[in-house]
Amino acid sequence: MTPEQIAAYVDATAAALGLPLQPAHRPGVLHYFALAAQMAALVEAHPLAPHDEPAPAFVPLSPVEGGAA
């Protein structure tokens, strides 16, 4: 995404959610959204084959459930 597309997306999403975005916070939000978009592009660039399976889900247990003393 270009910086202009990121700014438009952030502004439109904040407006759609009714989320006020303070002018002082906007540069940081844009920066971290751009970072997230870059990470998403890396994930999307990895092709998946029909035999690929999702990773197992981590489900934490309480100490009592896990058998800890």
N, C-alpha and C. Protein backbone atom coordinates (compact mmCIF):
# COMPACT_ATOMS: atom_id res chain seq x y z
N MET A 1 0.85 -1.18 0.00
CA MET A 1 0.00 0.00 0.00
C MET A 1 0.89 1.23 0.00
N THR A 2 0.44 2.23 -0.70
CA THR A 2 1.17 3.50 -0.72
C THR A 2 0.84 4.27 0.56
N PRO A 3 1.67 5.24 0.92
CA PRO A 3 1.34 6.05 2.10
C PRO A 3 -0.03 6.74 1.97
N GLU A 4 -0.38 7.14 0.77
CA GLU A 4 -1.69 7.78 0.56
C GLU A 4 -2.83 6.79 0.79
N GLN A 5 -2.66 5.55 0.32
CA GLN A 5 -3.68 4.53 0.53
C GLN A 5 -3.82 4.18 2.01
N ILE A 6 -2.70 4.12 2.70
CA ILE A 6 -2.73 3.83 4.13
C ILE A 6 -3.46 4.93 4.88
N ALA A 7 -3.14 6.18 4.57
CA ALA A 7 -3.79 7.30 5.24
C ALA A 7 -5.30 7.29 4.97
N ALA A 8 -5.69 7.04 3.72
CA ALA A 8 -7.11 7.00 3.38
C ALA A 8 -7.81 5.86 4.10
N TYR A 9 -7.16 4.70 4.17
CA TYR A 9 -7.75 3.55 4.84
C TYR A 9 -7.91 3.81 6.34
N VAL A 10 -6.87 4.32 6.97
CA VAL A 10 -6.93 4.61 8.40
C VAL A 10 -8.03 5.63 8.69
N ASP A 11 -8.09 6.69 7.91
CA ASP A 11 -9.10 7.72 8.13
C ASP A 11 -10.51 7.18 7.94
N ALA A 12 -10.71 6.40 6.87
CA ALA A 12 -12.04 5.85 6.59
C ALA A 12 -12.45 4.84 7.66
N THR A 13 -11.52 4.01 8.10
CA THR A 13 -11.84 3.00 9.10
C THR A 13 -12.15 3.65 10.44
N ALA A 14 -11.35 4.64 10.83
CA ALA A 14 -11.61 5.34 12.08
C ALA A 14 -12.98 6.01 12.04
N ALA A 15 -13.33 6.62 10.91
CA ALA A 15 -14.64 7.26 10.78
C ALA A 15 -15.76 6.23 10.83
N ALA A 16 -15.59 5.09 10.15
CA ALA A 16 -16.62 4.06 10.13
C ALA A 16 -16.85 3.47 11.52
N LEU A 17 -15.80 3.39 12.31
CA LEU A 17 -15.90 2.85 13.67
C LEU A 17 -16.30 3.90 14.70
N GLY A 18 -16.34 5.16 14.27
CA GLY A 18 -16.61 6.23 15.21
C GLY A 18 -15.48 6.42 16.21
N LEU A 19 -14.27 6.11 15.76
CA LEU A 19 -13.09 6.17 16.62
C LEU A 19 -12.38 7.50 16.39
N PRO A 20 -12.39 8.37 17.38
CA PRO A 20 -11.69 9.64 17.19
C PRO A 20 -10.18 9.42 17.13
N LEU A 21 -9.55 10.00 16.14
CA LEU A 21 -8.10 9.87 15.98
C LEU A 21 -7.49 11.25 16.20
N GLN A 22 -6.82 11.41 17.31
CA GLN A 22 -6.23 12.70 17.64
C GLN A 22 -5.10 13.03 16.67
N PRO A 23 -4.99 14.29 16.26
CA PRO A 23 -3.92 14.67 15.33
C PRO A 23 -2.52 14.28 15.81
N ALA A 24 -2.29 14.35 17.11
CA ALA A 24 -0.97 13.99 17.64
C ALA A 24 -0.70 12.49 17.53
N HIS A 25 -1.76 11.67 17.48
CA HIS A 25 -1.60 10.22 17.41
C HIS A 25 -1.54 9.70 15.98
N ARG A 26 -2.03 10.49 15.02
CA ARG A 26 -2.15 10.03 13.64
C ARG A 26 -0.83 9.54 13.04
N PRO A 27 0.30 10.25 13.20
CA PRO A 27 1.55 9.74 12.61
C PRO A 27 1.94 8.36 13.13
N GLY A 28 1.76 8.13 14.40
CA GLY A 28 2.08 6.82 14.97
C GLY A 28 1.16 5.73 14.45
N VAL A 29 -0.13 6.05 14.36
CA VAL A 29 -1.10 5.08 13.84
C VAL A 29 -0.75 4.73 12.40
N LEU A 30 -0.44 5.73 11.60
CA LEU A 30 -0.07 5.48 10.20
C LEU A 30 1.20 4.64 10.11
N HIS A 31 2.17 4.94 10.95
CA HIS A 31 3.43 4.19 10.95
C HIS A 31 3.19 2.71 11.26
N TYR A 32 2.44 2.45 12.34
CA TYR A 32 2.23 1.05 12.73
C TYR A 32 1.27 0.32 11.80
N PHE A 33 0.33 1.04 11.18
CA PHE A 33 -0.51 0.39 10.18
C PHE A 33 0.33 0.00 8.97
N ALA A 34 1.25 0.86 8.56
CA ALA A 34 2.14 0.54 7.44
C ALA A 34 3.00 -0.67 7.78
N LEU A 35 3.49 -0.74 8.99
CA LEU A 35 4.28 -1.89 9.43
C LEU A 35 3.44 -3.17 9.38
N ALA A 36 2.21 -3.11 9.87
CA ALA A 36 1.32 -4.27 9.82
C ALA A 36 1.02 -4.67 8.38
N ALA A 37 0.86 -3.69 7.50
CA ALA A 37 0.60 -3.99 6.09
C ALA A 37 1.81 -4.69 5.46
N GLN A 38 3.01 -4.27 5.84
CA GLN A 38 4.22 -4.93 5.32
C GLN A 38 4.29 -6.38 5.80
N MET A 39 3.97 -6.62 7.07
CA MET A 39 3.99 -7.98 7.60
C MET A 39 2.93 -8.84 6.91
N ALA A 40 1.76 -8.26 6.69
CA ALA A 40 0.69 -9.00 6.01
C ALA A 40 1.11 -9.36 4.59
N ALA A 41 1.81 -8.46 3.91
CA ALA A 41 2.26 -8.73 2.54
C ALA A 41 3.24 -9.91 2.52
N LEU A 42 4.09 -10.00 3.54
CA LEU A 42 5.01 -11.14 3.62
C LEU A 42 4.26 -12.46 3.78
N VAL A 43 3.25 -12.45 4.61
CA VAL A 43 2.46 -13.66 4.82
C VAL A 43 1.70 -14.02 3.55
N GLU A 44 1.09 -13.03 2.94
CA GLU A 44 0.31 -13.28 1.72
C GLU A 44 1.18 -13.74 0.56
N ALA A 45 2.45 -13.38 0.56
CA ALA A 45 3.35 -13.74 -0.53
C ALA A 45 3.75 -15.21 -0.49
N HIS A 46 3.54 -15.86 0.64
CA HIS A 46 3.93 -17.27 0.78
C HIS A 46 2.81 -18.15 0.22
N PRO A 47 3.09 -18.86 -0.86
CA PRO A 47 2.03 -19.68 -1.45
C PRO A 47 1.71 -20.90 -0.58
N LEU A 48 0.45 -21.24 -0.53
CA LEU A 48 0.01 -22.43 0.19
C LEU A 48 -0.44 -23.48 -0.81
N ALA A 49 -0.08 -24.71 -0.53
CA ALA A 49 -0.50 -25.83 -1.36
C ALA A 49 -1.74 -26.47 -0.74
N PRO A 50 -2.48 -27.23 -1.51
CA PRO A 50 -3.69 -27.86 -0.97
C PRO A 50 -3.41 -28.76 0.25
N HIS A 51 -2.21 -29.33 0.35
CA HIS A 51 -1.92 -30.22 1.48
C HIS A 51 -1.44 -29.47 2.73
N ASP A 52 -1.23 -28.16 2.64
CA ASP A 52 -0.79 -27.39 3.82
C ASP A 52 -1.92 -27.34 4.84
N GLU A 53 -1.53 -27.46 6.10
CA GLU A 53 -2.51 -27.44 7.18
C GLU A 53 -2.20 -26.29 8.12
N PRO A 54 -3.21 -25.75 8.80
CA PRO A 54 -2.95 -24.68 9.75
C PRO A 54 -2.13 -25.18 10.93
N ALA A 55 -1.44 -24.28 11.55
CA ALA A 55 -0.67 -24.64 12.75
C ALA A 55 -1.63 -24.96 13.89
N PRO A 56 -1.20 -25.79 14.83
CA PRO A 56 -2.07 -26.07 15.97
C PRO A 56 -2.27 -24.79 16.80
N ALA A 57 -3.39 -24.71 17.43
CA ALA A 57 -3.70 -23.55 18.26
C ALA A 57 -3.13 -23.75 19.65
N PHE A 58 -2.55 -22.69 20.21
CA PHE A 58 -2.06 -22.72 21.58
C PHE A 58 -3.22 -22.43 22.52
N VAL A 59 -3.48 -23.34 23.43
CA VAL A 59 -4.55 -23.15 24.41
C VAL A 59 -3.90 -23.26 25.78
N PRO A 60 -3.75 -22.12 26.48
CA PRO A 60 -3.08 -22.19 27.78
C PRO A 60 -3.95 -22.91 28.81
N LEU A 61 -3.30 -23.56 29.74
CA LEU A 61 -3.98 -24.25 30.85
C LEU A 61 -3.61 -23.54 32.14
N SER A 62 -4.54 -23.58 33.08
CA SER A 62 -4.23 -23.05 34.39
C SER A 62 -3.25 -24.01 35.06
N PRO A 63 -2.53 -23.57 36.09
CA PRO A 63 -1.61 -24.49 36.79
C PRO A 63 -2.31 -25.74 37.29
N VAL A 64 -3.56 -25.63 37.70
CA VAL A 64 -4.31 -26.78 38.21
C VAL A 64 -4.58 -27.76 37.06
N GLU A 65 -5.02 -27.24 35.92
CA GLU A 65 -5.31 -28.09 34.76
C GLU A 65 -4.06 -28.73 34.18
N GLY A 66 -2.93 -28.01 34.27
CA GLY A 66 -1.70 -28.51 33.70
C GLY A 66 -0.96 -29.50 34.57
N GLY A 67 -1.45 -29.74 35.75
CA GLY A 67 -0.82 -30.72 36.63
C GLY A 67 0.30 -30.16 37.49
N ALA A 68 0.50 -28.85 37.48
CA ALA A 68 1.56 -28.27 38.31
C ALA A 68 1.13 -28.31 39.77
N ALA A 69 2.09 -28.47 40.64
CA ALA A 69 1.80 -28.56 42.07
C ALA A 69 1.63 -27.20 42.69
